[in-house]
């Protein structure tokens, strides 16, 4: 499922999910979700509002990691999208939904710059 970064001003405060994805992938009133991000494994508490119209996974460690990833994008002001890939009950792998396009854009930009020099 594709999710977006939740923002408060210029700071990422979590991952915002679609309500239909919450119903589909998250058993009602589970209190925790485990996220695998590369070699990291982060257990995130789910607030009660998660099932009542505020489906946001927020954890300070997750937010720090998302903020660090944000600086690798060509357009840092654009919406950051991520994929949550189910790996088991209450467990998801987190990957950038835009990783391939960005790598291609950087390669093309670098190629054009070298040709002009």
PDB file of N, CA and C in Angstrom:
ATOM      1  N   UNK A   1       0.845  -1.170   0.000  1.00  0.00           N
ATOM      2  CA  UNK A   1       0.000   0.000   0.000  1.00  0.00           C
ATOM      3  C   UNK A   1       0.890   1.234   0.000  1.00  0.00           C
ATOM      4  N   UNK A   2       0.471   2.257  -0.683  1.00  0.00           N
ATOM      5  CA  UNK A   2       1.238   3.502  -0.759  1.00  0.00           C
ATOM      6  C   UNK A   2       0.722   4.447   0.326  1.00  0.00           C
ATOM      7  N   UNK A   3       1.652   5.023   1.080  1.00  0.00           N
ATOM      8  CA  UNK A   3       1.327   5.967   2.151  1.00  0.00           C
ATOM      9  C   UNK A   3       2.145   7.235   1.937  1.00  0.00           C
ATOM     10  N   UNK A   4       1.730   8.315   2.585  1.00  0.00           N
ATOM     11  CA  UNK A   4       2.439   9.584   2.439  1.00  0.00           C
ATOM     12  C   UNK A   4       2.972  10.045   3.783  1.00  0.00           C
ATOM     13  N   UNK A   5       3.977  10.891   3.717  1.00  0.00           N
ATOM     14  CA  UNK A   5       4.511  11.497   4.933  1.00  0.00           C
ATOM     15  C   UNK A   5       3.472  12.452   5.504  1.00  0.00           C
ATOM     16  N   UNK A   6       3.319  12.440   6.809  1.00  0.00           N
ATOM     17  CA  UNK A   6       2.461  13.386   7.524  1.00  0.00           C
ATOM     18  C   UNK A   6       3.341  14.542   7.964  1.00  0.00           C
ATOM     19  N   UNK A   7       2.918  15.767   7.681  1.00  0.00           N
ATOM     20  CA  UNK A   7       3.735  16.947   7.964  1.00  0.00           C
ATOM     21  C   UNK A   7       3.108  17.814   9.041  1.00  0.00           C
ATOM     22  N   UNK A   8       3.943  18.467   9.825  1.00  0.00           N
ATOM     23  CA  UNK A   8       3.536  19.553  10.715  1.00  0.00           C
ATOM     24  C   UNK A   8       4.540  20.658  10.461  1.00  0.00           C
ATOM     25  N   UNK A   9       4.117  21.647   9.682  1.00  0.00           N
ATOM     26  CA  UNK A   9       5.054  22.670   9.219  1.00  0.00           C
ATOM     27  C   UNK A   9       6.023  22.041   8.234  1.00  0.00           C
ATOM     28  N   UNK A  10       7.312  22.135   8.512  1.00  0.00           N
ATOM     29  CA  UNK A  10       8.334  21.548   7.640  1.00  0.00           C
ATOM     30  C   UNK A  10       8.914  20.259   8.211  1.00  0.00           C
ATOM     31  N   UNK A  11       8.256  19.708   9.207  1.00  0.00           N
ATOM     32  CA  UNK A  11       8.762  18.507   9.877  1.00  0.00           C
ATOM     33  C   UNK A  11       7.838  17.319   9.624  1.00  0.00           C
ATOM     34  N   UNK A  12       8.431  16.180   9.356  1.00  0.00           N
ATOM     35  CA  UNK A  12       7.661  14.952   9.168  1.00  0.00           C
ATOM     36  C   UNK A  12       7.301  14.406  10.548  1.00  0.00           C
ATOM     37  N   UNK A  13       6.008  14.099  10.737  1.00  0.00           N
ATOM     38  CA  UNK A  13       5.551  13.612  12.035  1.00  0.00           C
ATOM     39  C   UNK A  13       5.061  12.165  11.977  1.00  0.00           C
ATOM     40  N   UNK A  14       5.129  11.536  10.807  1.00  0.00           N
ATOM     41  CA  UNK A  14       4.707  10.145  10.696  1.00  0.00           C
ATOM     42  C   UNK A  14       4.305   9.783   9.281  1.00  0.00           C
ATOM     43  N   UNK A  15       3.679   8.614   9.152  1.00  0.00           N
ATOM     44  CA  UNK A  15       3.163   8.137   7.877  1.00  0.00           C
ATOM     45  C   UNK A  15       1.640   8.135   7.932  1.00  0.00           C
ATOM     46  N   UNK A  16       1.012   8.774   6.950  1.00  0.00           N
ATOM     47  CA  UNK A  16      -0.445   8.861   6.879  1.00  0.00           C
ATOM     48  C   UNK A  16      -0.971   7.797   5.925  1.00  0.00           C
ATOM     49  N   UNK A  17      -1.918   7.020   6.401  1.00  0.00           N
ATOM     50  CA  UNK A  17      -2.494   5.931   5.615  1.00  0.00           C
ATOM     51  C   UNK A  17      -3.897   6.289   5.156  1.00  0.00           C
ATOM     52  N   UNK A  18      -4.365   5.610   4.135  1.00  0.00           N
ATOM     53  CA  UNK A  18      -5.740   5.738   3.676  1.00  0.00           C
ATOM     54  C   UNK A  18      -6.631   4.904   4.595  1.00  0.00           C
ATOM     55  N   UNK A  19      -7.819   5.402   4.892  1.00  0.00           N
ATOM     56  CA  UNK A  19      -8.738   4.703   5.800  1.00  0.00           C
ATOM     57  C   UNK A  19      -9.077   3.294   5.305  1.00  0.00           C
ATOM     58  N   UNK A  20      -9.192   3.114   3.982  1.00  0.00           N
ATOM     59  CA  UNK A  20      -9.509   1.780   3.454  1.00  0.00           C
ATOM     60  C   UNK A  20      -8.360   0.801   3.684  1.00  0.00           C
ATOM     61  N   UNK A  21      -7.114   1.298   3.646  1.00  0.00           N
ATOM     62  CA  UNK A  21      -5.959   0.432   3.936  1.00  0.00           C
ATOM     63  C   UNK A  21      -5.927   0.037   5.408  1.00  0.00           C
ATOM     64  N   UNK A  22      -6.334   0.947   6.275  1.00  0.00           N
ATOM     65  CA  UNK A  22      -6.380   0.635   7.707  1.00  0.00           C
ATOM     66  C   UNK A  22      -7.343  -0.521   7.943  1.00  0.00           C
ATOM     67  N   UNK A  23      -8.524  -0.455   7.329  1.00  0.00           N
ATOM     68  CA  UNK A  23      -9.515  -1.523   7.505  1.00  0.00           C
ATOM     69  C   UNK A  23      -9.022  -2.846   6.933  1.00  0.00           C
ATOM     70  N   UNK A  24      -8.280  -2.772   5.842  1.00  0.00           N
ATOM     71  CA  UNK A  24      -7.836  -3.984   5.156  1.00  0.00           C
ATOM     72  C   UNK A  24      -6.638  -4.662   5.826  1.00  0.00           C
ATOM     73  N   UNK A  25      -5.675  -3.887   6.279  1.00  0.00           N
ATOM     74  CA  UNK A  25      -4.400  -4.452   6.740  1.00  0.00           C
ATOM     75  C   UNK A  25      -4.168  -4.440   8.253  1.00  0.00           C
ATOM     76  N   UNK A  26      -4.978  -3.705   9.003  1.00  0.00           N
ATOM     77  CA  UNK A  26      -4.738  -3.553  10.433  1.00  0.00           C
ATOM     78  C   UNK A  26      -5.929  -4.061  11.234  1.00  0.00           C
ATOM     79  N   UNK A  27      -5.750  -5.153  11.975  1.00  0.00           N
ATOM     80  CA  UNK A  27      -6.839  -5.636  12.824  1.00  0.00           C
ATOM     81  C   UNK A  27      -7.252  -4.541  13.814  1.00  0.00           C
ATOM     82  N   UNK A  28      -8.543  -4.362  13.960  1.00  0.00           N
ATOM     83  CA  UNK A  28      -9.049  -3.290  14.804  1.00  0.00           C
ATOM     84  C   UNK A  28      -8.496  -3.389  16.221  1.00  0.00           C
ATOM     85  N   UNK A  29      -8.002  -2.273  16.680  1.00  0.00           N
ATOM     86  CA  UNK A  29      -7.506  -2.088  18.032  1.00  0.00           C
ATOM     87  C   UNK A  29      -6.237  -2.846  18.366  1.00  0.00           C
ATOM     88  N   UNK A  30      -5.470  -3.283  17.342  1.00  0.00           N
ATOM     89  CA  UNK A  30      -4.105  -3.736  17.624  1.00  0.00           C
ATOM     90  C   UNK A  30      -3.357  -2.508  18.145  1.00  0.00           C
ATOM     91  N   UNK A  31      -2.524  -2.694  19.123  1.00  0.00           N
ATOM     92  CA  UNK A  31      -1.877  -1.535  19.735  1.00  0.00           C
ATOM     93  C   UNK A  31      -0.501  -1.232  19.157  1.00  0.00           C
ATOM     94  N   UNK A  32       0.016  -2.137  18.322  1.00  0.00           N
ATOM     95  CA  UNK A  32       1.376  -1.957  17.837  1.00  0.00           C
ATOM     96  C   UNK A  32       1.540  -2.495  16.417  1.00  0.00           C
ATOM     97  N   UNK A  33       2.500  -1.908  15.695  1.00  0.00           N
ATOM     98  CA  UNK A  33       2.874  -2.383  14.372  1.00  0.00           C
ATOM     99  C   UNK A  33       4.398  -2.397  14.319  1.00  0.00           C
ATOM    100  N   UNK A  34       4.940  -3.372  13.611  1.00  0.00           N
ATOM    101  CA  UNK A  34       6.394  -3.485  13.469  1.00  0.00           C
ATOM    102  C   UNK A  34       6.767  -3.088  12.047  1.00  0.00           C
ATOM    103  N   UNK A  35       7.692  -2.148  11.926  1.00  0.00           N
ATOM    104  CA  UNK A  35       8.143  -1.670  10.618  1.00  0.00           C
ATOM    105  C   UNK A  35       9.590  -2.071  10.398  1.00  0.00           C
ATOM    106  N   UNK A  36       9.872  -2.675   9.253  1.00  0.00           N
ATOM    107  CA  UNK A  36      11.238  -3.032   8.863  1.00  0.00           C
ATOM    108  C   UNK A  36      11.701  -2.010   7.839  1.00  0.00           C
ATOM    109  N   UNK A  37      12.752  -1.306   8.197  1.00  0.00           N
ATOM    110  CA  UNK A  37      13.305  -0.259   7.337  1.00  0.00           C
ATOM    111  C   UNK A  37      14.772  -0.578   7.146  1.00  0.00           C
ATOM    112  N   UNK A  38      15.098  -1.181   6.004  1.00  0.00           N
ATOM    113  CA  UNK A  38      16.468  -1.617   5.794  1.00  0.00           C
ATOM    114  C   UNK A  38      16.846  -2.620   6.861  1.00  0.00           C
ATOM    115  N   UNK A  39      17.888  -2.336   7.626  1.00  0.00           N
ATOM    116  CA  UNK A  39      18.318  -3.235   8.694  1.00  0.00           C
ATOM    117  C   UNK A  39      17.663  -2.905  10.038  1.00  0.00           C
ATOM    118  N   UNK A  40      16.854  -1.846  10.085  1.00  0.00           N
ATOM    119  CA  UNK A  40      16.183  -1.446  11.320  1.00  0.00           C
ATOM    120  C   UNK A  40      14.837  -2.144  11.480  1.00  0.00           C
ATOM    121  N   UNK A  41      14.448  -2.363  12.713  1.00  0.00           N
ATOM    122  CA  UNK A  41      13.127  -2.892  13.046  1.00  0.00           C
ATOM    123  C   UNK A  41      12.565  -1.985  14.133  1.00  0.00           C
ATOM    124  N   UNK A  42      11.479  -1.281  13.821  1.00  0.00           N
ATOM    125  CA  UNK A  42      10.911  -0.317  14.745  1.00  0.00           C
ATOM    126  C   UNK A  42       9.500  -0.755  15.133  1.00  0.00           C
ATOM    127  N   UNK A  43       9.257  -0.905  16.419  1.00  0.00           N
ATOM    128  CA  UNK A  43       7.926  -1.179  16.928  1.00  0.00           C
ATOM    129  C   UNK A  43       7.228   0.137  17.212  1.00  0.00           C
ATOM    130  N   UNK A  44       6.103   0.393  16.538  1.00  0.00           N
ATOM    131  CA  UNK A  44       5.393   1.665  16.678  1.00  0.00           C
ATOM    132  C   UNK A  44       4.046   1.452  17.356  1.00  0.00           C
ATOM    133  N   UNK A  45       3.776   2.254  18.374  1.00  0.00           N
ATOM    134  CA  UNK A  45       2.475   2.235  19.028  1.00  0.00           C
ATOM    135  C   UNK A  45       1.433   2.862  18.094  1.00  0.00           C
ATOM    136  N   UNK A  46       0.248   2.284  18.038  1.00  0.00           N
ATOM    137  CA  UNK A  46      -0.848   2.846  17.260  1.00  0.00           C
ATOM    138  C   UNK A  46      -1.833   3.500  18.225  1.00  0.00           C
ATOM    139  N   UNK A  47      -2.089   4.797  18.052  1.00  0.00           N
ATOM    140  CA  UNK A  47      -3.014   5.475  18.965  1.00  0.00           C
ATOM    141  C   UNK A  47      -4.461   5.048  18.685  1.00  0.00           C
ATOM    142  N   UNK A  48      -5.354   5.189  19.660  1.00  0.00           N
ATOM    143  CA  UNK A  48      -6.762   4.828  19.447  1.00  0.00           C
ATOM    144  C   UNK A  48      -7.401   5.560  18.263  1.00  0.00           C
ATOM    145  N   UNK A  49      -6.958   6.800  17.982  1.00  0.00           N
ATOM    146  CA  UNK A  49      -7.513   7.552  16.851  1.00  0.00           C
ATOM    147  C   UNK A  49      -7.122   6.965  15.500  1.00  0.00           C
ATOM    148  N   UNK A  50      -6.204   6.028  15.494  1.00  0.00           N
ATOM    149  CA  UNK A  50      -5.768   5.391  14.252  1.00  0.00           C
ATOM    150  C   UNK A  50      -6.955   4.802  13.492  1.00  0.00           C
ATOM    151  N   UNK A  51      -7.936   4.262  14.208  1.00  0.00           N
ATOM    152  CA  UNK A  51      -9.117   3.647  13.576  1.00  0.00           C
ATOM    153  C   UNK A  51     -10.310   4.588  13.542  1.00  0.00           C
ATOM    154  N   UNK A  52     -10.130   5.826  13.997  1.00  0.00           N
ATOM    155  CA  UNK A  52     -11.230   6.790  14.056  1.00  0.00           C
ATOM    156  C   UNK A  52     -10.954   8.030  13.217  1.00  0.00           C
ATOM    157  N   UNK A  53     -10.429   7.826  12.024  1.00  0.00           N
ATOM    158  CA  UNK A  53     -10.244   8.940  11.101  1.00  0.00           C
ATOM    159  C   UNK A  53      -8.899   9.632  11.143  1.00  0.00           C
ATOM    160  N   UNK A  54      -7.973   9.167  11.968  1.00  0.00           N
ATOM    161  CA  UNK A  54      -6.633   9.763  12.015  1.00  0.00           C
ATOM    162  C   UNK A  54      -5.589   8.658  11.878  1.00  0.00           C
ATOM    163  N   UNK A  55      -5.556   8.000  10.700  1.00  0.00           N
ATOM    164  CA  UNK A  55      -4.652   6.861  10.512  1.00  0.00           C
ATOM    165  C   UNK A  55      -3.207   7.285  10.233  1.00  0.00           C
ATOM    166  N   UNK A  56      -2.489   7.612  11.305  1.00  0.00           N
ATOM    167  CA  UNK A  56      -1.100   8.047  11.188  1.00  0.00           C
ATOM    168  C   UNK A  56      -0.239   7.158  12.088  1.00  0.00           C
ATOM    169  N   UNK A  57       0.842   6.642  11.517  1.00  0.00           N
ATOM    170  CA  UNK A  57       1.830   5.918  12.304  1.00  0.00           C
ATOM    171  C   UNK A  57       2.935   6.925  12.620  1.00  0.00           C
ATOM    172  N   UNK A  58       3.046   7.280  13.877  1.00  0.00           N
ATOM    173  CA  UNK A  58       4.043   8.257  14.286  1.00  0.00           C
ATOM    174  C   UNK A  58       4.940   7.676  15.366  1.00  0.00           C
ATOM    175  N   UNK A  59       6.223   7.765  15.175  1.00  0.00           N
ATOM    176  CA  UNK A  59       7.206   7.286  16.132  1.00  0.00           C
ATOM    177  C   UNK A  59       8.446   8.139  15.920  1.00  0.00           C
ATOM    178  N   UNK A  60       9.081   8.566  16.989  1.00  0.00           N
ATOM    179  CA  UNK A  60      10.221   9.478  16.838  1.00  0.00           C
ATOM    180  C   UNK A  60      11.338   8.868  15.995  1.00  0.00           C
ATOM    181  N   UNK A  61      11.601   7.558  16.157  1.00  0.00           N
ATOM    182  CA  UNK A  61      12.660   6.901  15.372  1.00  0.00           C
ATOM    183  C   UNK A  61      12.274   6.834  13.896  1.00  0.00           C
ATOM    184  N   UNK A  62      11.012   6.521  13.626  1.00  0.00           N
ATOM    185  CA  UNK A  62      10.519   6.488  12.247  1.00  0.00           C
ATOM    186  C   UNK A  62      10.635   7.869  11.617  1.00  0.00           C
ATOM    187  N   UNK A  63      10.208   8.898  12.342  1.00  0.00           N
ATOM    188  CA  UNK A  63      10.252  10.267  11.810  1.00  0.00           C
ATOM    189  C   UNK A  63      11.674  10.728  11.522  1.00  0.00           C
ATOM    190  N   UNK A  64      12.598  10.381  12.396  1.00  0.00           N
ATOM    191  CA  UNK A  64      14.004  10.737  12.153  1.00  0.00           C
ATOM    192  C   UNK A  64      14.522  10.072  10.891  1.00  0.00           C
ATOM    193  N   UNK A  65      14.162   8.809  10.699  1.00  0.00           N
ATOM    194  CA  UNK A  65      14.599   8.098   9.507  1.00  0.00           C
ATOM    195  C   UNK A  65      13.974   8.719   8.258  1.00  0.00           C
ATOM    196  N   UNK A  66      12.673   9.045   8.319  1.00  0.00           N
ATOM    197  CA  UNK A  66      11.999   9.671   7.171  1.00  0.00           C
ATOM    198  C   UNK A  66      12.618  11.022   6.840  1.00  0.00           C
ATOM    199  N   UNK A  67      12.916  11.806   7.868  1.00  0.00           N
ATOM    200  CA  UNK A  67      13.563  13.107   7.655  1.00  0.00           C
ATOM    201  C   UNK A  67      14.918  12.940   6.968  1.00  0.00           C
ATOM    202  N   UNK A  68      15.683  11.944   7.397  1.00  0.00           N
ATOM    203  CA  UNK A  68      16.991  11.701   6.789  1.00  0.00           C
ATOM    204  C   UNK A  68      16.842  11.306   5.321  1.00  0.00           C
ATOM    205  N   UNK A  69      15.823  10.524   4.996  1.00  0.00           N
ATOM    206  CA  UNK A  69      15.598  10.094   3.622  1.00  0.00           C
ATOM    207  C   UNK A  69      15.138  11.242   2.740  1.00  0.00           C
ATOM    208  N   UNK A  70      14.455  12.198   3.319  1.00  0.00           N
ATOM    209  CA  UNK A  70      13.898  13.330   2.576  1.00  0.00           C
ATOM    210  C   UNK A  70      14.973  14.107   1.826  1.00  0.00           C
ATOM    211  N   UNK A  71      16.169  14.186   2.360  1.00  0.00           N
ATOM    212  CA  UNK A  71      17.222  14.977   1.736  1.00  0.00           C
ATOM    213  C   UNK A  71      17.846  14.296   0.523  1.00  0.00           C
ATOM    214  N   UNK A  72      17.457  13.064   0.213  1.00  0.00           N
ATOM    215  CA  UNK A  72      17.945  12.375  -0.965  1.00  0.00           C
ATOM    216  C   UNK A  72      17.099  12.642  -2.201  1.00  0.00           C
ATOM    217  N   UNK A  73      16.056  13.458  -2.081  1.00  0.00           N
ATOM    218  CA  UNK A  73      15.136  13.697  -3.193  1.00  0.00           C
ATOM    219  C   UNK A  73      15.522  14.952  -3.957  1.00  0.00           C
ATOM    220  N   UNK A  74      15.262  14.916  -5.254  1.00  0.00           N
ATOM    221  CA  UNK A  74      15.532  16.097  -6.084  1.00  0.00           C
ATOM    222  C   UNK A  74      14.591  17.248  -5.746  1.00  0.00           C
ATOM    223  N   UNK A  75      13.357  16.944  -5.397  1.00  0.00           N
ATOM    224  CA  UNK A  75      12.351  17.952  -5.094  1.00  0.00           C
ATOM    225  C   UNK A  75      11.871  17.744  -3.663  1.00  0.00           C
ATOM    226  N   UNK A  76      12.591  18.260  -2.656  1.00  0.00           N
ATOM    227  CA  UNK A  76      12.254  17.980  -1.262  1.00  0.00           C
ATOM    228  C   UNK A  76      10.906  18.542  -0.831  1.00  0.00           C
ATOM    229  N   UNK A  77      10.338  19.497  -1.572  1.00  0.00           N
ATOM    230  CA  UNK A  77       9.046  20.055  -1.183  1.00  0.00           C
ATOM    231  C   UNK A  77       7.868  19.215  -1.673  1.00  0.00           C
ATOM    232  N   UNK A  78       8.105  18.248  -2.528  1.00  0.00           N
ATOM    233  CA  UNK A  78       7.021  17.415  -3.041  1.00  0.00           C
ATOM    234  C   UNK A  78       6.606  16.394  -1.987  1.00  0.00           C
ATOM    235  N   UNK A  79       5.403  15.836  -2.164  1.00  0.00           N
ATOM    236  CA  UNK A  79       4.923  14.820  -1.234  1.00  0.00           C
ATOM    237  C   UNK A  79       5.802  13.586  -1.322  1.00  0.00           C
ATOM    238  N   UNK A  80       6.222  13.102  -0.181  1.00  0.00           N
ATOM    239  CA  UNK A  80       7.020  11.890  -0.131  1.00  0.00           C
ATOM    240  C   UNK A  80       6.080  10.712   0.022  1.00  0.00           C
ATOM    241  N   UNK A  81       6.214   9.743  -0.850  1.00  0.00           N
ATOM    242  CA  UNK A  81       5.373   8.564  -0.780  1.00  0.00           C
ATOM    243  C   UNK A  81       6.222   7.346  -0.467  1.00  0.00           C
ATOM    244  N   UNK A  82       5.644   6.462   0.324  1.00  0.00           N
ATOM    245  CA  UNK A  82       6.318   5.256   0.760  1.00  0.00           C
ATOM    246  C   UNK A  82       5.405   4.076   0.533  1.00  0.00           C
ATOM    247  N   UNK A  83       5.983   2.910   0.428  1.00  0.00           N
ATOM    248  CA  UNK A  83       5.219   1.676   0.336  1.00  0.00           C
ATOM    249  C   UNK A  83       5.337   0.934   1.651  1.00  0.00           C
ATOM    250  N   UNK A  84       4.197   0.463   2.171  1.00  0.00           N
ATOM    251  CA  UNK A  84       4.192  -0.458   3.291  1.00  0.00           C
ATOM    252  C   UNK A  84       3.855  -1.821   2.702  1.00  0.00           C
ATOM    253  N   UNK A  85       4.808  -2.706   2.746  1.00  0.00           N
ATOM    254  CA  UNK A  85       4.653  -4.032   2.150  1.00  0.00           C
ATOM    255  C   UNK A  85       4.434  -5.040   3.270  1.00  0.00           C
ATOM    256  N   UNK A  86       3.237  -5.675   3.313  1.00  0.00           N
ATOM    257  CA  UNK A  86       2.963  -6.632   4.394  1.00  0.00           C
ATOM    258  C   UNK A  86       3.963  -7.788   4.382  1.00  0.00           C
ATOM    259  N   UNK A  87       4.489  -8.100   5.575  1.00  0.00           N
ATOM    260  CA  UNK A  87       5.427  -9.222   5.723  1.00  0.00           C
ATOM    261  C   UNK A  87       4.927 -10.254   6.725  1.00  0.00           C
ATOM    262  N   UNK A  88       3.767 -10.027   7.276  1.00  0.00           N
ATOM    263  CA  UNK A  88       3.208 -10.916   8.289  1.00  0.00           C
ATOM    264  C   UNK A  88       2.211 -10.128   9.117  1.00  0.00           C
ATOM    265  N   UNK A  89       1.641 -10.767  10.109  1.00  0.00           N
ATOM    266  CA  UNK A  89       0.642 -10.090  10.937  1.00  0.00           C
ATOM    267  C   UNK A  89       1.269  -8.926  11.705  1.00  0.00           C
ATOM    268  N   UNK A  90       0.817  -7.721  11.410  1.00  0.00           N
ATOM    269  CA  UNK A  90       1.307  -6.543  12.096  1.00  0.00           C
ATOM    270  C   UNK A  90       2.726  -6.145  11.761  1.00  0.00           C
ATOM    271  N   UNK A  91       3.267  -6.676  10.649  1.00  0.00           N
ATOM    272  CA  UNK A  91       4.646  -6.396  10.250  1.00  0.00           C
ATOM    273  C   UNK A  91       4.680  -5.921   8.799  1.00  0.00           C
ATOM    274  N   UNK A  92       5.400  -4.824   8.560  1.00  0.00           N
ATOM    275  CA  UNK A  92       5.485  -4.245   7.226  1.00  0.00           C
ATOM    276  C   UNK A  92       6.913  -3.824   6.918  1.00  0.00           C
ATOM    277  N   UNK A  93       7.275  -3.929   5.655  1.00  0.00           N
ATOM    278  CA  UNK A  93       8.548  -3.416   5.153  1.00  0.00           C
ATOM    279  C   UNK A  93       8.262  -2.028   4.582  1.00  0.00           C
ATOM    280  N   UNK A  94       9.113  -1.057   4.890  1.00  0.00           N
ATOM    281  CA  UNK A  94       8.943   0.312   4.411  1.00  0.00           C
ATOM    282  C   UNK A  94       9.967   0.576   3.315  1.00  0.00           C
ATOM    283  N   UNK A  95       9.481   0.990   2.143  1.00  0.00           N
ATOM    284  CA  UNK A  95      10.356   1.352   1.023  1.00  0.00           C
ATOM    285  C   UNK A  95       9.833   2.608   0.364  1.00  0.00           C
ATOM    286  N   UNK A  96      10.712   3.350  -0.255  1.00  0.00           N
ATOM    287  CA  UNK A  96      10.304   4.534  -1.006  1.00  0.00           C
ATOM    288  C   UNK A  96       9.508   4.113  -2.228  1.00  0.00           C
ATOM    289  N   UNK A  97       8.404   4.776  -2.478  1.00  0.00           N
ATOM    290  CA  UNK A  97       7.596   4.488  -3.666  1.00  0.00           C
ATOM    291  C   UNK A  97       8.182   5.170  -4.892  1.00  0.00           C
ATOM    292  N   UNK A  98       9.150   6.057  -4.712  1.00  0.00           N
ATOM    293  CA  UNK A  98       9.700   6.842  -5.820  1.00  0.00           C
ATOM    294  C   UNK A  98      11.156   6.525  -6.103  1.00  0.00           C
ATOM    295  N   UNK A  99      11.698   5.464  -5.541  1.00  0.00           N
ATOM    296  CA  UNK A  99      13.138   5.214  -5.613  1.00  0.00           C
ATOM    297  C   UNK A  99      13.680   5.060  -7.025  1.00  0.00           C
ATOM    298  N   UNK A 100      12.975   4.366  -7.921  1.00  0.00           N
ATOM    299  CA  UNK A 100      13.499   4.114  -9.261  1.00  0.00           C
ATOM    300  C   UNK A 100      13.515   5.380 -10.089  1.00  0.00           C
ATOM    301  N   UNK A 101      12.425   6.144 -10.052  1.00  0.00           N
ATOM    302  CA  UNK A 101      12.331   7.368 -10.849  1.00  0.00           C
ATOM    303  C   UNK A 101      13.433   8.339 -10.448  1.00  0.00           C
ATOM    304  N   UNK A 102      13.678   8.473  -9.163  1.00  0.00           N
ATOM    305  CA  UNK A 102      14.680   9.427  -8.719  1.00  0.00           C
ATOM    306  C   UNK A 102      16.073   9.017  -9.158  1.00  0.00           C
ATOM    307  N   UNK A 103      16.373   7.771  -9.083  1.00  0.00           N
ATOM    308  CA  UNK A 103      17.697   7.325  -9.522  1.00  0.00           C
ATOM    309  C   UNK A 103      17.870   7.589 -11.010  1.00  0.00           C
ATOM    310  N   UNK A 104      16.831   7.342 -11.798  1.00  0.00           N
ATOM    311  CA  UNK A 104      16.917   7.616 -13.228  1.00  0.00           C
ATOM    312  C   UNK A 104      17.080   9.103 -13.475  1.00  0.00           C
ATOM    313  N   UNK A 105      16.318   9.964 -12.753  1.00  0.00           N
ATOM    314  CA  UNK A 105      16.432  11.410 -12.919  1.00  0.00           C
ATOM    315  C   UNK A 105      17.840  11.886 -12.612  1.00  0.00           C
ATOM    316  N   UNK A 106      18.429  11.371 -11.550  1.00  0.00           N
ATOM    317  CA  UNK A 106      19.788  11.793 -11.188  1.00  0.00           C
ATOM    318  C   UNK A 106      20.781  11.362 -12.260  1.00  0.00           C
ATOM    319  N   UNK A 107      20.643  10.156 -12.758  1.00  0.00           N
ATOM    320  CA  UNK A 107      21.552   9.669 -13.779  1.00  0.00           C
ATOM    321  C   UNK A 107      21.437  10.513 -15.050  1.00  0.00           C
ATOM    322  N   UNK A 108      20.215  10.857 -15.430  1.00  0.00           N
ATOM    323  CA  UNK A 108      20.006  11.678 -16.625  1.00  0.00           C
ATOM    324  C   UNK A 108      20.586  13.068 -16.407  1.00  0.00           C
ATOM    325  N   UNK A 109      20.345  13.668 -15.242  1.00  0.00           N
ATOM    326  CA  UNK A 109      20.876  15.002 -14.952  1.00  0.00           C
ATOM    327  C   UNK A 109      22.399  14.998 -14.993  1.00  0.00           C
ATOM    328  N   UNK A 110      23.022  14.009 -14.414  1.00  0.00           N
ATOM    329  CA  UNK A 110      24.469  13.904 -14.407  1.00  0.00           C
ATOM    330  C   UNK A 110      25.010  13.743 -15.822  1.00  0.00           C
ATOM    331  N   UNK A 111      24.350  12.929 -16.638  1.00  0.00           N
ATOM    332  CA  UNK A 111      24.775  12.713 -18.015  1.00  0.00           C
ATOM    333  C   UNK A 111      24.718  14.015 -18.811  1.00  0.00           C
ATOM    334  N   UNK A 112      23.654  14.788 -18.689  1.00  0.00           N
ATOM    335  CA  UNK A 112      23.497  16.036 -19.423  1.00  0.00           C
ATOM    336  C   UNK A 112      24.565  17.032 -18.983  1.00  0.00           C
ATOM    337  N   UNK A 113      24.839  17.112 -17.683  1.00  0.00           N
ATOM    338  CA  UNK A 113      25.848  18.024 -17.181  1.00  0.00           C
ATOM    339  C   UNK A 113      27.224  17.680 -17.737  1.00  0.00           C
ATOM    340  N   UNK A 114      27.550  16.412 -17.778  1.00  0.00           N
ATOM    341  CA  UNK A 114      28.860  16.007 -18.298  1.00  0.00           C
ATOM    342  C   UNK A 114      28.981  16.288 -19.800  1.00  0.00           C
ATOM    343  N   UNK A 115      27.890  16.143 -20.539  1.00  0.00           N
ATOM    344  CA  UNK A 115      27.919  16.415 -21.969  1.00  0.00           C
ATOM    345  C   UNK A 115      28.149  17.897 -22.240  1.00  0.00           C
ATOM    346  N   UNK A 116      27.586  18.762 -21.380  1.00  0.00           N
ATOM    347  CA  UNK A 116      27.708  20.200 -21.586  1.00  0.00           C
ATOM    348  C   UNK A 116      29.105  20.709 -21.247  1.00  0.00           C
ATOM    349  N   UNK A 117      29.831  20.024 -20.410  1.00  0.00           N
ATOM    350  CA  UNK A 117      31.143  20.487 -19.953  1.00  0.00           C
ATOM    351  C   UNK A 117      32.211  20.352 -21.004  1.00  0.00           C
TER     352      UNK A 117
END
